[in-house]
Amino acid sequence: MAKSFTAQLKDIEKMTVKNMRYVAAEAIQDVMEAAMTPSRGITKGGTFEEGKIPVAESELINSLTSDGIKGENSYTVAIAGFDIGDTLKSAWTADHALVQEVGNSKIRGRHFVGANARKFPEFVAKRAKEV
């Protein structure tokens, strides 16, 4: 038996919400993965790479906290529980996190957060093509 028009609209609504969640979750994960892409710290012989998190020791990369969950992969747990309309909050809590992001009079900022957050619309467009 054919579905009613109302039932068909409900199916479309469910699919649309599912697709929106997929696009949002994957694009957020793309931003976080890009921000968490390590670059060897200059003090360990690395070169300056904007948009990548500098890693001389593991303190900065492991200081990530996402929705109260601590650790390098905390964002994956936060995204798993994400739903459309939710707000996800992530922060790097190491003492030198802000200086590494924006720089100061002695060092240039790496912009590992800002440079990748600005790519969010690109990530959304890419993921939208998948649904």
Protein backbone atom coordinates (compact mmCIF):
# COMPACT_ATOMS: atom_id res chain seq x y z
CA MET A 1 0.00 0.00 0.00
CA ALA A 2 1.27 3.46 -0.89
CA LYS A 3 2.23 5.82 1.91
CA SER A 4 0.13 8.86 2.58
CA PHE A 5 1.46 12.27 1.62
CA THR A 6 1.90 13.08 5.33
CA ALA A 7 3.89 9.88 5.89
CA GLN A 8 6.08 10.68 2.88
CA LEU A 9 6.76 14.18 4.29
CA LYS A 10 7.73 12.64 7.64
CA ASP A 11 10.20 10.34 5.85
CA ILE A 12 11.71 13.33 4.02
CA GLU A 13 11.96 15.25 7.30
CA LYS A 14 13.77 12.35 9.00
CA MET A 15 16.16 12.02 6.06
CA THR A 16 16.81 15.77 6.00
CA VAL A 17 17.62 15.89 9.72
CA LYS A 18 19.83 12.82 9.37
CA ASN A 19 21.67 14.43 6.45
CA MET A 20 22.03 17.74 8.31
CA ARG A 21 23.50 15.97 11.31
CA TYR A 22 25.91 14.05 9.08
CA VAL A 23 27.11 17.21 7.31
CA ALA A 24 27.48 19.17 10.55
CA ALA A 25 29.21 16.38 12.49
CA GLU A 26 31.61 15.54 9.68
CA ALA A 27 32.47 19.21 8.99
CA ILE A 28 33.11 19.82 12.70
CA GLN A 29 35.31 16.73 12.79
CA ASP A 30 37.17 17.99 9.70
CA VAL A 31 37.93 21.28 11.50
CA MET A 32 39.09 19.49 14.64
CA GLU A 33 41.23 16.98 12.75
CA ALA A 34 42.90 19.80 10.85
CA ALA A 35 43.48 21.76 14.07
CA MET A 36 44.93 18.67 15.73
CA THR A 37 47.32 17.91 12.85
CA PRO A 38 50.70 17.99 14.58
CA SER A 39 53.77 19.83 13.44
CA ARG A 40 57.11 19.19 15.15
CA GLY A 41 57.87 22.07 17.46
CA ILE A 42 60.70 24.41 16.52
CA THR A 43 62.53 23.57 19.76
CA LYS A 44 62.61 19.95 18.54
CA GLY A 45 63.99 20.79 15.09
CA GLY A 46 60.68 21.36 13.32
CA THR A 47 59.77 24.22 11.01
CA PHE A 48 57.02 26.80 11.40
CA GLU A 49 53.75 25.55 9.88
CA GLU A 50 50.69 27.76 10.20
CA GLY A 51 47.43 25.90 10.77
CA LYS A 52 49.03 22.92 12.52
CA ILE A 53 49.37 22.38 16.26
CA PRO A 54 52.99 22.57 17.34
CA VAL A 55 54.21 19.54 19.26
CA ALA A 56 57.48 19.77 21.14
CA GLU A 57 56.12 17.75 24.05
CA SER A 58 52.60 16.34 24.23
CA GLU A 59 51.26 18.91 26.70
CA LEU A 60 49.51 21.21 24.19
CA ILE A 61 47.94 18.56 21.98
CA ASN A 62 46.79 16.56 25.02
CA SER A 63 45.29 19.65 26.69
CA LEU A 64 42.25 19.60 24.40
CA THR A 65 38.96 19.52 26.27
CA SER A 66 35.68 19.08 24.39
CA ASP A 67 32.40 19.43 26.25
CA GLY A 68 34.14 18.54 29.52
CA ILE A 69 35.94 15.51 28.11
CA LYS A 70 39.73 15.75 28.26
CA GLY A 71 42.28 14.40 25.84
CA GLU A 72 43.56 14.47 22.30
CA ASN A 73 40.51 12.63 20.91
CA SER A 74 37.89 14.21 23.16
CA TYR A 75 36.22 15.88 20.19
CA THR A 76 35.24 12.52 18.69
CA VAL A 77 33.32 11.62 21.85
CA ALA A 78 31.66 15.05 21.93
CA ILE A 79 30.66 14.81 18.27
CA ALA A 80 29.22 11.32 18.78
CA GLY A 81 26.67 12.78 21.20
CA PHE A 82 26.01 15.87 19.06
CA ASP A 83 22.58 16.68 17.69
CA ILE A 84 21.35 19.51 15.48
CA GLY A 85 20.94 22.62 17.62
CA ASP A 86 23.58 21.58 20.16
CA THR A 87 26.62 23.69 20.93
CA LEU A 88 30.00 21.98 21.11
CA LYS A 89 32.76 23.68 23.08
CA SER A 90 36.42 22.81 22.73
CA ALA A 91 39.48 24.45 24.22
CA TRP A 92 43.18 23.80 24.57
CA THR A 93 43.97 24.39 28.23
CA ALA A 94 47.78 24.30 28.27
CA ASP A 95 49.28 27.51 29.64
CA HIS A 96 50.91 28.32 26.30
CA ALA A 97 47.92 27.45 24.08
CA LEU A 98 46.83 31.04 23.42
CA VAL A 99 50.37 32.21 22.66
CA GLN A 100 50.82 29.31 20.21
CA GLU A 101 47.52 30.24 18.54
CA VAL A 102 47.88 34.02 18.20
CA GLY A 103 51.55 34.66 18.90
CA ASN A 104 53.18 37.47 20.84
CA SER A 105 56.15 39.84 20.46
CA LYS A 106 58.55 36.86 20.44
CA ILE A 107 56.82 34.22 18.31
CA ARG A 108 54.40 34.11 15.40
CA GLY A 109 51.04 32.49 16.03
CA ARG A 110 50.39 29.09 14.51
CA HIS A 111 46.65 29.75 14.14
CA PHE A 112 45.94 26.04 14.39
CA VAL A 113 42.39 26.87 15.56
CA GLY A 114 41.50 30.01 13.60
CA ALA A 115 42.96 28.96 10.26
CA ASN A 116 41.01 25.70 10.35
CA ALA A 117 37.80 27.18 11.76
CA ARG A 118 37.75 29.55 8.77
CA LYS A 119 37.63 26.47 6.53
CA PHE A 120 34.35 25.30 8.09
CA PRO A 121 32.21 26.52 5.13
CA GLU A 122 34.48 24.58 2.74
CA PHE A 123 34.16 21.45 4.87
CA VAL A 124 30.35 21.85 4.97
CA ALA A 125 30.17 22.23 1.17
CA LYS A 126 32.37 19.14 0.71
CA ARG A 127 30.28 17.04 3.11
CA ALA A 128 26.97 18.30 1.65
CA LYS A 129 27.99 16.81 -1.70
CA GLU A 130 28.14 13.41 -0.01
CA VAL A 131 24.45 13.31 0.91
